[in-house]
């Protein structure tokens, strides 16, 4: 063992955008297991991808637990 610690990264999940409010900058993703995740424009890995999102767009994302429920970060279009 080298003695270096490896920072654990959240598991990347796969899902589809089920709700999107472009003007206000947020939406919801439904994971393949049926759970829903809130996400914001700032949750996108690339700001340019926000403009490409539509209902039904397939995405990958990292899962997190928030005070109001699960949310997604590092959202990328598949």
C-alpha atoms as a PDB file:
ATOM      1  CA  UNK A   1       0.000   0.000   0.000  1.00  0.00           C
ATOM      2  CA  UNK A   2       1.290   3.391  -0.972  1.00  0.00           C
ATOM      3  CA  UNK A   3      -0.301   5.270   1.919  1.00  0.00           C
ATOM      4  CA  UNK A   4      -2.312   7.536  -0.378  1.00  0.00           C
ATOM      5  CA  UNK A   5      -5.974   7.881   0.354  1.00  0.00           C
ATOM      6  CA  UNK A   6      -8.437   7.716  -2.486  1.00  0.00           C
ATOM      7  CA  UNK A   7     -11.388  10.049  -2.207  1.00  0.00           C
ATOM      8  CA  UNK A   8     -14.590   8.068  -2.818  1.00  0.00           C
ATOM      9  CA  UNK A   9     -16.763   9.431  -5.612  1.00  0.00           C
ATOM     10  CA  UNK A  10     -20.552   9.109  -5.639  1.00  0.00           C
ATOM     11  CA  UNK A  11     -21.899   6.384  -7.906  1.00  0.00           C
ATOM     12  CA  UNK A  12     -22.979   7.675 -11.322  1.00  0.00           C
ATOM     13  CA  UNK A  13     -26.624   6.870 -12.062  1.00  0.00           C
ATOM     14  CA  UNK A  14     -28.546   6.843 -15.323  1.00  0.00           C
ATOM     15  CA  UNK A  15     -31.987   8.386 -15.856  1.00  0.00           C
ATOM     16  CA  UNK A  16     -34.222  10.651 -17.935  1.00  0.00           C
ATOM     17  CA  UNK A  17     -35.338  14.251 -17.488  1.00  0.00           C
ATOM     18  CA  UNK A  18     -39.026  14.127 -16.503  1.00  0.00           C
ATOM     19  CA  UNK A  19     -39.687  17.781 -15.706  1.00  0.00           C
ATOM     20  CA  UNK A  20     -37.876  20.953 -16.761  1.00  0.00           C
ATOM     21  CA  UNK A  21     -38.385  24.649 -16.086  1.00  0.00           C
ATOM     22  CA  UNK A  22     -35.799  26.395 -18.275  1.00  0.00           C
ATOM     23  CA  UNK A  23     -36.755  29.912 -17.165  1.00  0.00           C
ATOM     24  CA  UNK A  24     -36.255  29.171 -13.470  1.00  0.00           C
ATOM     25  CA  UNK A  25     -33.284  26.845 -13.951  1.00  0.00           C
ATOM     26  CA  UNK A  26     -34.399  23.555 -12.415  1.00  0.00           C
ATOM     27  CA  UNK A  27     -35.915  20.182 -13.197  1.00  0.00           C
ATOM     28  CA  UNK A  28     -36.314  16.563 -12.128  1.00  0.00           C
ATOM     29  CA  UNK A  29     -34.663  13.349 -13.254  1.00  0.00           C
ATOM     30  CA  UNK A  30     -36.231   9.900 -12.930  1.00  0.00           C
ATOM     31  CA  UNK A  31     -33.578   7.240 -12.303  1.00  0.00           C
ATOM     32  CA  UNK A  32     -33.913   3.758 -13.796  1.00  0.00           C
ATOM     33  CA  UNK A  33     -34.977   2.458 -10.359  1.00  0.00           C
ATOM     34  CA  UNK A  34     -37.920   4.912 -10.300  1.00  0.00           C
ATOM     35  CA  UNK A  35     -36.544   7.427  -7.780  1.00  0.00           C
ATOM     36  CA  UNK A  36     -36.784  11.141  -8.606  1.00  0.00           C
ATOM     37  CA  UNK A  37     -33.941  13.619  -8.218  1.00  0.00           C
ATOM     38  CA  UNK A  38     -34.102  17.407  -8.194  1.00  0.00           C
ATOM     39  CA  UNK A  39     -31.430  19.281 -10.143  1.00  0.00           C
ATOM     40  CA  UNK A  40     -30.547  22.882 -10.978  1.00  0.00           C
ATOM     41  CA  UNK A  41     -28.873  24.517 -13.949  1.00  0.00           C
ATOM     42  CA  UNK A  42     -25.741  24.760 -11.792  1.00  0.00           C
ATOM     43  CA  UNK A  43     -25.838  20.940 -11.392  1.00  0.00           C
ATOM     44  CA  UNK A  44     -24.873  20.484 -15.042  1.00  0.00           C
ATOM     45  CA  UNK A  45     -21.280  19.414 -15.690  1.00  0.00           C
ATOM     46  CA  UNK A  46     -21.284  21.831 -18.667  1.00  0.00           C
ATOM     47  CA  UNK A  47     -23.287  25.044 -18.857  1.00  0.00           C
ATOM     48  CA  UNK A  48     -23.801  24.566 -22.602  1.00  0.00           C
ATOM     49  CA  UNK A  49     -25.699  21.303 -22.028  1.00  0.00           C
ATOM     50  CA  UNK A  50     -28.476  23.080 -20.097  1.00  0.00           C
ATOM     51  CA  UNK A  51     -29.745  24.588 -23.355  1.00  0.00           C
ATOM     52  CA  UNK A  52     -29.895  21.116 -24.966  1.00  0.00           C
ATOM     53  CA  UNK A  53     -32.076  19.505 -22.276  1.00  0.00           C
ATOM     54  CA  UNK A  54     -35.655  18.442 -23.055  1.00  0.00           C
ATOM     55  CA  UNK A  55     -38.174  16.138 -21.408  1.00  0.00           C
ATOM     56  CA  UNK A  56     -36.950  12.598 -22.067  1.00  0.00           C
ATOM     57  CA  UNK A  57     -33.262  13.475 -22.457  1.00  0.00           C
ATOM     58  CA  UNK A  58     -31.065  10.654 -21.108  1.00  0.00           C
ATOM     59  CA  UNK A  59     -28.545  11.787 -18.504  1.00  0.00           C
ATOM     60  CA  UNK A  60     -25.946  10.454 -16.082  1.00  0.00           C
ATOM     61  CA  UNK A  61     -25.579  12.051 -12.663  1.00  0.00           C
ATOM     62  CA  UNK A  62     -24.226  11.726  -9.136  1.00  0.00           C
ATOM     63  CA  UNK A  63     -26.728  11.108  -6.319  1.00  0.00           C
ATOM     64  CA  UNK A  64     -26.769  13.170  -3.101  1.00  0.00           C
ATOM     65  CA  UNK A  65     -29.052  13.426  -0.078  1.00  0.00           C
ATOM     66  CA  UNK A  66     -30.332  16.907   0.734  1.00  0.00           C
ATOM     67  CA  UNK A  67     -32.508  18.394   3.459  1.00  0.00           C
ATOM     68  CA  UNK A  68     -35.539  18.277   1.155  1.00  0.00           C
ATOM     69  CA  UNK A  69     -34.740  14.948  -0.497  1.00  0.00           C
ATOM     70  CA  UNK A  70     -32.378  13.495  -3.071  1.00  0.00           C
ATOM     71  CA  UNK A  71     -30.719  15.733  -5.635  1.00  0.00           C
ATOM     72  CA  UNK A  72     -28.439  15.275  -8.617  1.00  0.00           C
ATOM     73  CA  UNK A  73     -25.073  16.845  -9.399  1.00  0.00           C
ATOM     74  CA  UNK A  74     -22.546  16.517 -12.226  1.00  0.00           C
ATOM     75  CA  UNK A  75     -25.451  15.966 -14.656  1.00  0.00           C
ATOM     76  CA  UNK A  76     -24.293  15.106 -18.195  1.00  0.00           C
ATOM     77  CA  UNK A  77     -26.219  14.229 -21.336  1.00  0.00           C
ATOM     78  CA  UNK A  78     -25.665  10.638 -22.488  1.00  0.00           C
END
